[in-house]
């Protein structure tokens, strides 16, 4: 930094990601085919920047979802995520439409509050989560706030930074606890992915020259 070229840290989330608002997402599903298998759980974590310009987890939202009509339920997938009966009343599951409306609402509010232009999905194997969200959005006609194809993927990021691509190993390499008993629930995996993403991003704080004009690309 020189006297003729002063710089300052970026401490607004809209400036950190060029107008994109990162939203951490994890889905739990009854299989791997986004068009055919049921979407059963979705959790999102909003993020914010603190006074020091560090990215930190903000608020967690989670919904259990009823299988859509005609959807497939792979029993091995249900066993893996620990859901014996997707229709059990104790799940308090909602229809896809209601669940998406309630999950997307705080995202749209956060976009307006931060001055961002749209949300961008952060996930571990992010395209898997985005594809299920996109197909559910198409089925229900509930417009998605997420960029249609761009994501931040913590698989690639943690592979680069820590040499680990498995979520549990990457989270522990980043210095956080991991509980296998809680894993594979959307809320827990979202919380841990958020911690991992923030830890990685904060290792490279963004600075900009004062009075720097934003790019127009």
C-alpha atoms as a PDB file:
ATOM      1  CA  UNK A   1       0.000   0.000   0.000  1.00  0.00           C
ATOM      2  CA  UNK A   2       1.363   3.403  -0.959  1.00  0.00           C
ATOM      3  CA  UNK A   3       0.239   6.906  -0.129  1.00  0.00           C
ATOM      4  CA  UNK A   4      -0.859   7.407  -3.737  1.00  0.00           C
ATOM      5  CA  UNK A   5      -2.721   4.116  -3.899  1.00  0.00           C
ATOM      6  CA  UNK A   6      -4.509   3.569  -0.561  1.00  0.00           C
ATOM      7  CA  UNK A   7      -6.502   0.381  -0.202  1.00  0.00           C
ATOM      8  CA  UNK A   8      -9.221  -0.671   2.183  1.00  0.00           C
ATOM      9  CA  UNK A   9     -10.633  -4.070   3.085  1.00  0.00           C
ATOM     10  CA  UNK A  10     -13.968  -5.029   1.608  1.00  0.00           C
ATOM     11  CA  UNK A  11     -16.504  -5.354   4.414  1.00  0.00           C
ATOM     12  CA  UNK A  12     -19.773  -5.479   2.484  1.00  0.00           C
ATOM     13  CA  UNK A  13     -20.912  -8.803   1.169  1.00  0.00           C
ATOM     14  CA  UNK A  14     -22.222  -7.307  -2.084  1.00  0.00           C
ATOM     15  CA  UNK A  15     -18.689  -6.134  -2.875  1.00  0.00           C
ATOM     16  CA  UNK A  16     -16.965  -9.335  -1.782  1.00  0.00           C
ATOM     17  CA  UNK A  17     -18.685 -11.509  -4.387  1.00  0.00           C
ATOM     18  CA  UNK A  18     -19.456  -8.989  -7.129  1.00  0.00           C
ATOM     19  CA  UNK A  19     -23.108  -8.611  -6.310  1.00  0.00           C
ATOM     20  CA  UNK A  20     -23.761 -12.280  -5.556  1.00  0.00           C
ATOM     21  CA  UNK A  21     -25.119 -13.288  -2.158  1.00  0.00           C
ATOM     22  CA  UNK A  22     -23.687 -16.679  -1.128  1.00  0.00           C
ATOM     23  CA  UNK A  23     -26.269 -18.986   0.439  1.00  0.00           C
ATOM     24  CA  UNK A  24     -25.113 -22.321   1.805  1.00  0.00           C
ATOM     25  CA  UNK A  25     -27.450 -25.184   0.876  1.00  0.00           C
ATOM     26  CA  UNK A  26     -27.695 -28.882   1.575  1.00  0.00           C
ATOM     27  CA  UNK A  27     -30.398 -31.238   0.344  1.00  0.00           C
ATOM     28  CA  UNK A  28     -31.252 -34.764   1.411  1.00  0.00           C
ATOM     29  CA  UNK A  29     -32.951 -36.848  -1.248  1.00  0.00           C
ATOM     30  CA  UNK A  30     -34.385 -40.284  -1.981  1.00  0.00           C
ATOM     31  CA  UNK A  31     -31.893 -40.906  -4.771  1.00  0.00           C
ATOM     32  CA  UNK A  32     -29.574 -39.228  -7.255  1.00  0.00           C
ATOM     33  CA  UNK A  33     -31.903 -38.249 -10.112  1.00  0.00           C
ATOM     34  CA  UNK A  34     -33.130 -34.717  -9.534  1.00  0.00           C
ATOM     35  CA  UNK A  35     -35.951 -35.102 -12.029  1.00  0.00           C
ATOM     36  CA  UNK A  36     -37.347 -38.322 -10.550  1.00  0.00           C
ATOM     37  CA  UNK A  37     -36.251 -38.855  -6.949  1.00  0.00           C
ATOM     38  CA  UNK A  38     -37.963 -37.113  -4.054  1.00  0.00           C
ATOM     39  CA  UNK A  39     -36.481 -34.057  -2.401  1.00  0.00           C
ATOM     40  CA  UNK A  40     -36.928 -34.726   1.336  1.00  0.00           C
ATOM     41  CA  UNK A  41     -34.946 -32.086   3.248  1.00  0.00           C
ATOM     42  CA  UNK A  42     -33.521 -28.682   2.401  1.00  0.00           C
ATOM     43  CA  UNK A  43     -31.509 -26.452   4.708  1.00  0.00           C
ATOM     44  CA  UNK A  44     -30.040 -23.050   3.923  1.00  0.00           C
ATOM     45  CA  UNK A  45     -27.637 -20.861   5.845  1.00  0.00           C
ATOM     46  CA  UNK A  46     -27.393 -17.155   5.146  1.00  0.00           C
ATOM     47  CA  UNK A  47     -23.990 -15.513   5.591  1.00  0.00           C
ATOM     48  CA  UNK A  48     -22.904 -12.043   6.605  1.00  0.00           C
ATOM     49  CA  UNK A  49     -19.725  -9.995   6.965  1.00  0.00           C
ATOM     50  CA  UNK A  50     -18.726  -8.753  10.402  1.00  0.00           C
ATOM     51  CA  UNK A  51     -17.145  -5.406  11.259  1.00  0.00           C
ATOM     52  CA  UNK A  52     -13.700  -6.760  10.445  1.00  0.00           C
ATOM     53  CA  UNK A  53     -14.793  -7.849   6.993  1.00  0.00           C
ATOM     54  CA  UNK A  54     -14.841 -11.544   7.896  1.00  0.00           C
ATOM     55  CA  UNK A  55     -17.493 -13.807   6.431  1.00  0.00           C
ATOM     56  CA  UNK A  56     -19.494 -15.593   9.146  1.00  0.00           C
ATOM     57  CA  UNK A  57     -22.575 -17.858   9.291  1.00  0.00           C
ATOM     58  CA  UNK A  58     -25.798 -15.986   9.973  1.00  0.00           C
ATOM     59  CA  UNK A  59     -29.189 -17.729  10.124  1.00  0.00           C
ATOM     60  CA  UNK A  60     -30.165 -21.353   9.457  1.00  0.00           C
ATOM     61  CA  UNK A  61     -33.496 -22.316   7.876  1.00  0.00           C
ATOM     62  CA  UNK A  62     -34.622 -25.898   7.362  1.00  0.00           C
ATOM     63  CA  UNK A  63     -37.666 -27.665   5.917  1.00  0.00           C
ATOM     64  CA  UNK A  64     -38.725 -31.310   5.747  1.00  0.00           C
ATOM     65  CA  UNK A  65     -40.508 -32.013   2.487  1.00  0.00           C
ATOM     66  CA  UNK A  66     -43.097 -34.537   1.373  1.00  0.00           C
ATOM     67  CA  UNK A  67     -42.264 -36.584  -1.728  1.00  0.00           C
ATOM     68  CA  UNK A  68     -43.829 -35.052  -4.807  1.00  0.00           C
ATOM     69  CA  UNK A  69     -46.504 -37.048  -6.591  1.00  0.00           C
ATOM     70  CA  UNK A  70     -45.012 -39.837  -8.713  1.00  0.00           C
ATOM     71  CA  UNK A  71     -41.526 -39.455  -7.251  1.00  0.00           C
ATOM     72  CA  UNK A  72     -39.191 -42.377  -6.751  1.00  0.00           C
ATOM     73  CA  UNK A  73     -37.962 -43.484  -3.326  1.00  0.00           C
ATOM     74  CA  UNK A  74     -34.709 -45.430  -3.342  1.00  0.00           C
ATOM     75  CA  UNK A  75     -34.661 -47.483  -0.149  1.00  0.00           C
ATOM     76  CA  UNK A  76     -30.861 -47.488   0.041  1.00  0.00           C
ATOM     77  CA  UNK A  77     -30.875 -43.685  -0.138  1.00  0.00           C
ATOM     78  CA  UNK A  78     -33.495 -43.465   2.602  1.00  0.00           C
ATOM     79  CA  UNK A  79     -31.415 -45.765   4.813  1.00  0.00           C
ATOM     80  CA  UNK A  80     -28.299 -43.666   4.154  1.00  0.00           C
ATOM     81  CA  UNK A  81     -29.960 -40.435   5.320  1.00  0.00           C
ATOM     82  CA  UNK A  82     -31.836 -42.123   8.159  1.00  0.00           C
ATOM     83  CA  UNK A  83     -35.424 -41.544   7.016  1.00  0.00           C
ATOM     84  CA  UNK A  84     -37.551 -44.650   7.487  1.00  0.00           C
ATOM     85  CA  UNK A  85     -40.854 -43.152   6.377  1.00  0.00           C
ATOM     86  CA  UNK A  86     -40.890 -39.868   4.411  1.00  0.00           C
ATOM     87  CA  UNK A  87     -44.630 -39.555   5.126  1.00  0.00           C
ATOM     88  CA  UNK A  88     -44.398 -39.984   8.903  1.00  0.00           C
ATOM     89  CA  UNK A  89     -46.336 -37.193  10.661  1.00  0.00           C
ATOM     90  CA  UNK A  90     -43.508 -36.613  13.151  1.00  0.00           C
ATOM     91  CA  UNK A  91     -41.418 -35.237  10.285  1.00  0.00           C
ATOM     92  CA  UNK A  92     -43.881 -32.335  10.002  1.00  0.00           C
ATOM     93  CA  UNK A  93     -43.044 -32.292   6.321  1.00  0.00           C
ATOM     94  CA  UNK A  94     -44.556 -29.776   3.925  1.00  0.00           C
ATOM     95  CA  UNK A  95     -45.283 -29.838   0.230  1.00  0.00           C
ATOM     96  CA  UNK A  96     -42.479 -28.777  -2.087  1.00  0.00           C
ATOM     97  CA  UNK A  97     -44.298 -25.566  -2.961  1.00  0.00           C
ATOM     98  CA  UNK A  98     -44.811 -24.438   0.634  1.00  0.00           C
ATOM     99  CA  UNK A  99     -41.304 -25.481   1.674  1.00  0.00           C
ATOM    100  CA  UNK A 100     -39.626 -23.640  -1.193  1.00  0.00           C
ATOM    101  CA  UNK A 101     -41.703 -20.511  -0.659  1.00  0.00           C
ATOM    102  CA  UNK A 102     -40.702 -20.446   3.005  1.00  0.00           C
ATOM    103  CA  UNK A 103     -37.030 -21.108   2.240  1.00  0.00           C
ATOM    104  CA  UNK A 104     -36.757 -18.623  -0.615  1.00  0.00           C
ATOM    105  CA  UNK A 105     -38.449 -15.766   1.262  1.00  0.00           C
ATOM    106  CA  UNK A 106     -35.555 -14.997   3.662  1.00  0.00           C
ATOM    107  CA  UNK A 107     -33.098 -15.269   0.766  1.00  0.00           C
ATOM    108  CA  UNK A 108     -34.969 -12.598  -1.198  1.00  0.00           C
ATOM    109  CA  UNK A 109     -35.148 -10.429   1.913  1.00  0.00           C
ATOM    110  CA  UNK A 110     -31.402 -10.789   2.420  1.00  0.00           C
ATOM    111  CA  UNK A 111     -30.716  -9.910  -1.213  1.00  0.00           C
ATOM    112  CA  UNK A 112     -32.613  -6.650  -0.796  1.00  0.00           C
ATOM    113  CA  UNK A 113     -31.026  -5.862   2.574  1.00  0.00           C
ATOM    114  CA  UNK A 114     -27.488  -6.343   1.278  1.00  0.00           C
ATOM    115  CA  UNK A 115     -27.934  -4.685  -2.097  1.00  0.00           C
ATOM    116  CA  UNK A 116     -26.956  -7.871  -3.902  1.00  0.00           C
ATOM    117  CA  UNK A 117     -28.384  -8.796  -7.301  1.00  0.00           C
ATOM    118  CA  UNK A 118     -29.050 -12.509  -6.785  1.00  0.00           C
ATOM    119  CA  UNK A 119     -28.122 -15.490  -4.653  1.00  0.00           C
ATOM    120  CA  UNK A 120     -25.416 -17.988  -5.525  1.00  0.00           C
ATOM    121  CA  UNK A 121     -25.547 -21.489  -4.077  1.00  0.00           C
ATOM    122  CA  UNK A 122     -22.685 -22.701  -1.905  1.00  0.00           C
ATOM    123  CA  UNK A 123     -22.578 -26.439  -1.417  1.00  0.00           C
ATOM    124  CA  UNK A 124     -20.455 -29.543  -1.077  1.00  0.00           C
ATOM    125  CA  UNK A 125     -20.910 -31.036  -4.555  1.00  0.00           C
ATOM    126  CA  UNK A 126     -22.922 -27.920  -5.232  1.00  0.00           C
ATOM    127  CA  UNK A 127     -24.390 -28.901  -8.612  1.00  0.00           C
ATOM    128  CA  UNK A 128     -26.156 -31.846  -6.969  1.00  0.00           C
ATOM    129  CA  UNK A 129     -27.960 -29.475  -4.599  1.00  0.00           C
ATOM    130  CA  UNK A 130     -28.620 -26.893  -7.305  1.00  0.00           C
ATOM    131  CA  UNK A 131     -30.126 -29.475  -9.684  1.00  0.00           C
ATOM    132  CA  UNK A 132     -32.600 -30.688  -7.059  1.00  0.00           C
ATOM    133  CA  UNK A 133     -33.543 -27.108  -6.207  1.00  0.00           C
ATOM    134  CA  UNK A 134     -33.999 -26.256  -9.886  1.00  0.00           C
ATOM    135  CA  UNK A 135     -36.229 -29.250 -10.607  1.00  0.00           C
ATOM    136  CA  UNK A 136     -38.333 -28.635  -7.506  1.00  0.00           C
ATOM    137  CA  UNK A 137     -38.664 -24.995  -8.499  1.00  0.00           C
ATOM    138  CA  UNK A 138     -39.761 -25.990 -11.998  1.00  0.00           C
ATOM    139  CA  UNK A 139     -42.317 -28.490 -10.661  1.00  0.00           C
ATOM    140  CA  UNK A 140     -43.871 -26.019  -8.236  1.00  0.00           C
ATOM    141  CA  UNK A 141     -43.515 -22.869 -10.356  1.00  0.00           C
ATOM    142  CA  UNK A 142     -41.821 -21.181  -7.383  1.00  0.00           C
ATOM    143  CA  UNK A 143     -39.143 -18.936  -8.861  1.00  0.00           C
ATOM    144  CA  UNK A 144     -35.676 -19.695  -7.545  1.00  0.00           C
ATOM    145  CA  UNK A 145     -33.480 -16.828  -6.301  1.00  0.00           C
ATOM    146  CA  UNK A 146     -30.316 -18.744  -7.212  1.00  0.00           C
ATOM    147  CA  UNK A 147     -28.067 -18.254 -10.207  1.00  0.00           C
ATOM    148  CA  UNK A 148     -29.033 -20.965 -12.660  1.00  0.00           C
ATOM    149  CA  UNK A 149     -25.582 -22.454 -13.215  1.00  0.00           C
ATOM    150  CA  UNK A 150     -22.895 -20.710 -11.153  1.00  0.00           C
ATOM    151  CA  UNK A 151     -22.004 -22.065  -7.715  1.00  0.00           C
ATOM    152  CA  UNK A 152     -19.297 -22.044  -5.064  1.00  0.00           C
ATOM    153  CA  UNK A 153     -18.305 -25.665  -4.454  1.00  0.00           C
ATOM    154  CA  UNK A 154     -16.506 -26.505  -1.217  1.00  0.00           C
ATOM    155  CA  UNK A 155     -15.314 -29.789  -2.724  1.00  0.00           C
ATOM    156  CA  UNK A 156     -12.980 -27.900  -5.051  1.00  0.00           C
ATOM    157  CA  UNK A 157     -12.132 -25.226  -2.499  1.00  0.00           C
ATOM    158  CA  UNK A 158     -11.279 -27.653   0.307  1.00  0.00           C
ATOM    159  CA  UNK A 159      -9.390 -29.893  -2.102  1.00  0.00           C
ATOM    160  CA  UNK A 160      -7.235 -26.906  -3.041  1.00  0.00           C
ATOM    161  CA  UNK A 161      -6.723 -25.565   0.472  1.00  0.00           C
ATOM    162  CA  UNK A 162      -6.672 -28.709   2.635  1.00  0.00           C
ATOM    163  CA  UNK A 163      -6.131 -31.577   0.226  1.00  0.00           C
ATOM    164  CA  UNK A 164      -9.467 -33.058   1.322  1.00  0.00           C
ATOM    165  CA  UNK A 165     -12.670 -33.454  -0.691  1.00  0.00           C
ATOM    166  CA  UNK A 166     -14.841 -35.471   1.707  1.00  0.00           C
ATOM    167  CA  UNK A 167     -16.914 -33.066   3.799  1.00  0.00           C
ATOM    168  CA  UNK A 168     -16.176 -34.662   7.173  1.00  0.00           C
ATOM    169  CA  UNK A 169     -12.430 -34.700   6.537  1.00  0.00           C
ATOM    170  CA  UNK A 170     -12.375 -31.183   5.099  1.00  0.00           C
ATOM    171  CA  UNK A 171     -14.321 -29.792   8.064  1.00  0.00           C
ATOM    172  CA  UNK A 172     -11.903 -31.390  10.511  1.00  0.00           C
ATOM    173  CA  UNK A 173      -8.894 -30.244   8.489  1.00  0.00           C
ATOM    174  CA  UNK A 174     -10.279 -26.714   8.803  1.00  0.00           C
ATOM    175  CA  UNK A 175     -10.267 -27.081  12.597  1.00  0.00           C
ATOM    176  CA  UNK A 176     -13.944 -27.786  13.290  1.00  0.00           C
ATOM    177  CA  UNK A 177     -15.624 -30.668  15.111  1.00  0.00           C
ATOM    178  CA  UNK A 178     -17.505 -33.345  13.194  1.00  0.00           C
ATOM    179  CA  UNK A 179     -20.151 -35.698  14.612  1.00  0.00           C
ATOM    180  CA  UNK A 180     -20.918 -38.726  12.433  1.00  0.00           C
ATOM    181  CA  UNK A 181     -24.175 -39.290  14.328  1.00  0.00           C
ATOM    182  CA  UNK A 182     -25.507 -35.925  13.165  1.00  0.00           C
ATOM    183  CA  UNK A 183     -24.173 -36.111   9.612  1.00  0.00           C
ATOM    184  CA  UNK A 184     -26.468 -36.533   6.600  1.00  0.00           C
ATOM    185  CA  UNK A 185     -29.123 -34.277   8.021  1.00  0.00           C
ATOM    186  CA  UNK A 186     -29.568 -31.190   5.875  1.00  0.00           C
ATOM    187  CA  UNK A 187     -29.293 -28.781   8.813  1.00  0.00           C
ATOM    188  CA  UNK A 188     -26.068 -30.261  10.198  1.00  0.00           C
ATOM    189  CA  UNK A 189     -24.322 -30.582   6.845  1.00  0.00           C
ATOM    190  CA  UNK A 190     -25.318 -27.029   5.934  1.00  0.00           C
ATOM    191  CA  UNK A 191     -23.939 -25.682   9.201  1.00  0.00           C
ATOM    192  CA  UNK A 192     -20.622 -27.456   8.680  1.00  0.00           C
ATOM    193  CA  UNK A 193     -20.377 -26.475   5.023  1.00  0.00           C
ATOM    194  CA  UNK A 194     -20.964 -22.850   6.024  1.00  0.00           C
ATOM    195  CA  UNK A 195     -18.161 -23.001   8.588  1.00  0.00           C
ATOM    196  CA  UNK A 196     -15.848 -24.542   6.006  1.00  0.00           C
ATOM    197  CA  UNK A 197     -16.673 -22.006   3.286  1.00  0.00           C
ATOM    198  CA  UNK A 198     -16.241 -19.027   5.618  1.00  0.00           C
ATOM    199  CA  UNK A 199     -12.930 -20.360   6.927  1.00  0.00           C
ATOM    200  CA  UNK A 200     -11.579 -20.720   3.395  1.00  0.00           C
ATOM    201  CA  UNK A 201     -12.843 -17.345   2.147  1.00  0.00           C
ATOM    202  CA  UNK A 202     -11.449 -15.515   5.180  1.00  0.00           C
ATOM    203  CA  UNK A 203      -7.944 -16.728   4.407  1.00  0.00           C
ATOM    204  CA  UNK A 204      -7.982 -14.444   1.368  1.00  0.00           C
ATOM    205  CA  UNK A 205      -9.481 -11.088   2.416  1.00  0.00           C
ATOM    206  CA  UNK A 206     -10.352  -8.863  -0.494  1.00  0.00           C
ATOM    207  CA  UNK A 207      -9.036  -5.308  -0.621  1.00  0.00           C
ATOM    208  CA  UNK A 208      -9.736  -2.597  -3.128  1.00  0.00           C
ATOM    209  CA  UNK A 209      -8.284   0.824  -3.916  1.00  0.00           C
ATOM    210  CA  UNK A 210     -10.299   3.688  -2.499  1.00  0.00           C
ATOM    211  CA  UNK A 211     -12.575   5.353  -5.059  1.00  0.00           C
ATOM    212  CA  UNK A 212     -12.192   2.279  -7.274  1.00  0.00           C
ATOM    213  CA  UNK A 213     -14.944   2.083  -9.859  1.00  0.00           C
ATOM    214  CA  UNK A 214     -16.760  -1.256  -9.940  1.00  0.00           C
ATOM    215  CA  UNK A 215     -16.205  -3.278 -13.085  1.00  0.00           C
ATOM    216  CA  UNK A 216     -18.915  -3.583 -15.692  1.00  0.00           C
ATOM    217  CA  UNK A 217     -18.177  -7.064 -17.000  1.00  0.00           C
END
